[in-house]
Protein backbone atom coordinates (compact mmCIF):
# COMPACT_ATOMS: atom_id res chain seq x y z
CA MET A 1 0.05 0.19 -0.11
CA ALA A 2 1.38 3.41 -1.15
CA GLN A 3 1.79 5.71 1.62
CA TRP A 4 0.43 9.27 1.50
CA ASN A 5 2.77 12.13 1.38
CA SER A 6 1.09 15.17 1.98
CA THR A 7 4.43 17.47 1.09
CA ARG A 8 4.16 16.64 -2.52
CA ASP A 9 1.45 18.45 -5.10
CA ARG A 10 0.00 16.25 -7.80
CA GLN A 11 2.95 16.66 -10.08
CA GLY A 12 5.52 15.07 -7.59
CA ARG A 13 7.01 18.56 -7.34
CA PRO A 14 7.74 19.10 -3.49
CA ALA A 15 5.41 21.74 -1.85
CA ARG A 16 6.57 24.99 -0.27
CA PRO A 17 6.27 24.66 3.12
CA ILE A 18 4.81 27.35 5.49
CA PRO A 19 7.50 28.48 8.13
CA ALA A 20 5.96 27.86 11.35
CA PRO A 21 6.80 30.62 14.05
CA PRO A 22 8.63 29.74 17.13
CA PRO A 23 6.49 27.91 19.75
CA ARG A 24 7.34 30.52 22.25
CA LEU A 25 5.78 33.02 20.24
CA TYR A 26 2.31 31.49 20.24
CA PHE A 27 2.46 30.92 24.06
CA LEU A 28 3.31 34.56 24.76
CA VAL A 29 0.69 35.65 22.57
CA ALA A 30 -2.11 33.15 23.75
CA ALA A 31 -0.83 34.43 27.56
CA ALA A 32 -1.11 37.90 26.69
CA GLY A 33 -4.89 37.63 25.10
CA ILE A 34 -5.84 35.72 28.28
CA LEU A 35 -4.20 38.16 30.52
CA THR A 36 -6.07 40.90 29.08
CA ILE A 37 -9.67 39.30 28.79
CA VAL A 38 -9.44 38.30 32.43
CA SER A 39 -8.08 41.55 33.46
CA LEU A 40 -11.66 43.21 31.81
CA THR A 41 -13.86 40.41 33.78
CA PRO A 42 -15.45 40.81 36.91
CA PRO A 43 -13.80 38.53 39.69
CA THR A 44 -16.67 36.09 39.88
CA LEU A 45 -16.31 34.93 36.13
CA ILE A 46 -12.60 34.65 36.15
CA LEU A 47 -12.46 30.75 35.89
CA PRO A 48 -15.25 30.50 33.19
CA VAL A 49 -13.64 33.10 30.83
CA ILE A 50 -9.78 31.31 31.36
CA SER A 51 -11.56 28.12 30.50
CA LEU A 52 -12.95 29.53 27.24
CA ALA A 53 -10.12 31.71 26.31
CA ALA A 54 -7.26 28.92 26.82
CA THR A 55 -9.46 26.43 25.12
CA ALA A 56 -10.07 28.80 21.92
CA SER A 57 -6.21 29.83 22.22
CA ALA A 58 -5.49 26.01 21.93
CA ALA A 59 -7.50 25.55 18.92
CA VAL A 60 -6.02 28.10 16.69
CA VAL A 61 -2.47 27.21 17.81
CA ALA A 62 -3.19 23.74 16.76
CA LEU A 63 -4.88 25.12 13.51
CA LEU A 64 -1.73 26.96 12.82
CA ALA A 65 0.39 24.15 13.93
CA TRP A 66 -1.40 22.11 11.48
CA LEU A 67 -1.31 24.21 8.51
CA CYS A 68 2.30 25.00 9.07
CA GLY A 69 3.24 21.51 9.06
CA ALA A 70 4.79 21.73 12.57
CA GLU A 71 6.68 18.48 13.80
CA ARG A 72 5.11 16.58 16.22
CA HIS A 73 7.60 14.19 17.35
CA SER A 74 10.75 16.12 19.01
CA ASN A 75 12.72 16.60 21.81
CA ASP A 76 12.11 20.23 22.00
CA VAL A 77 9.05 21.91 22.56
CA THR A 78 6.86 22.16 19.55
CA SER A 79 3.38 24.20 18.84
CA TRP A 80 1.62 21.05 19.43
CA ASP A 81 3.09 20.68 23.00
CA VAL A 82 1.95 24.37 23.31
CA ALA A 83 -1.58 23.97 21.97
CA GLY A 84 -1.87 20.76 24.53
CA ALA A 85 -0.62 22.72 27.46
CA LEU A 86 -3.64 25.68 26.71
CA VAL A 87 -6.16 22.71 26.74
CA PHE A 88 -5.21 21.15 29.69
CA ILE A 89 -5.21 24.81 31.46
CA GLY A 90 -8.64 25.45 29.74
CA PHE A 91 -10.01 21.97 30.92
CA ALA A 92 -8.80 22.56 34.34
CA ALA A 93 -10.37 25.92 34.81
CA GLY A 94 -13.49 24.48 33.47
CA MET A 95 -13.73 22.03 35.92
CA LEU A 96 -13.01 24.38 38.51
CA THR A 97 -16.06 26.53 37.73
CA GLY A 98 -19.36 26.35 39.42
CA PRO A 99 -22.67 26.19 38.06
CA GLU A 100 -23.38 29.50 39.43
CA GLN A 101 -20.69 30.91 37.57
CA ILE A 102 -21.45 29.23 34.29
CA GLY A 103 -25.52 30.79 34.97
CA GLU A 104 -23.53 34.41 35.47
CA LEU A 105 -21.40 33.99 32.18
CA PHE A 106 -24.45 33.03 29.98
CA GLY A 107 -27.22 34.53 31.63
CA PRO A 108 -30.24 33.45 33.38
CA ALA A 109 -31.81 31.96 30.32
CA THR A 110 -29.55 29.01 30.25
CA MET A 111 -30.17 28.27 34.00
CA ALA A 112 -33.64 28.08 33.44
CA ARG A 113 -33.91 24.88 31.44
């Protein structure tokens, strides 16, 4: 069975890869965005906002890593590692969030159901 090679186009020529930014840049941009959003929220909504912001940042970093063709298996920190750390932070903040905080975040209409 032939193995599919995503780095070549249909004519057999090598595709030009998109250069990937360093993973530190992804982490710094995500951290700056999360800190900005958290600084603008009321204290009772910090955990649900961190959960949403970190999970959304992880999705963006993973999408960029996929589009750039970032290496997955390496001894160094990769973009995939940064996405995994962000999603771990987002899920941990979501697990610590109480139902009252979710009701405040999305409004009383979601809690009435």
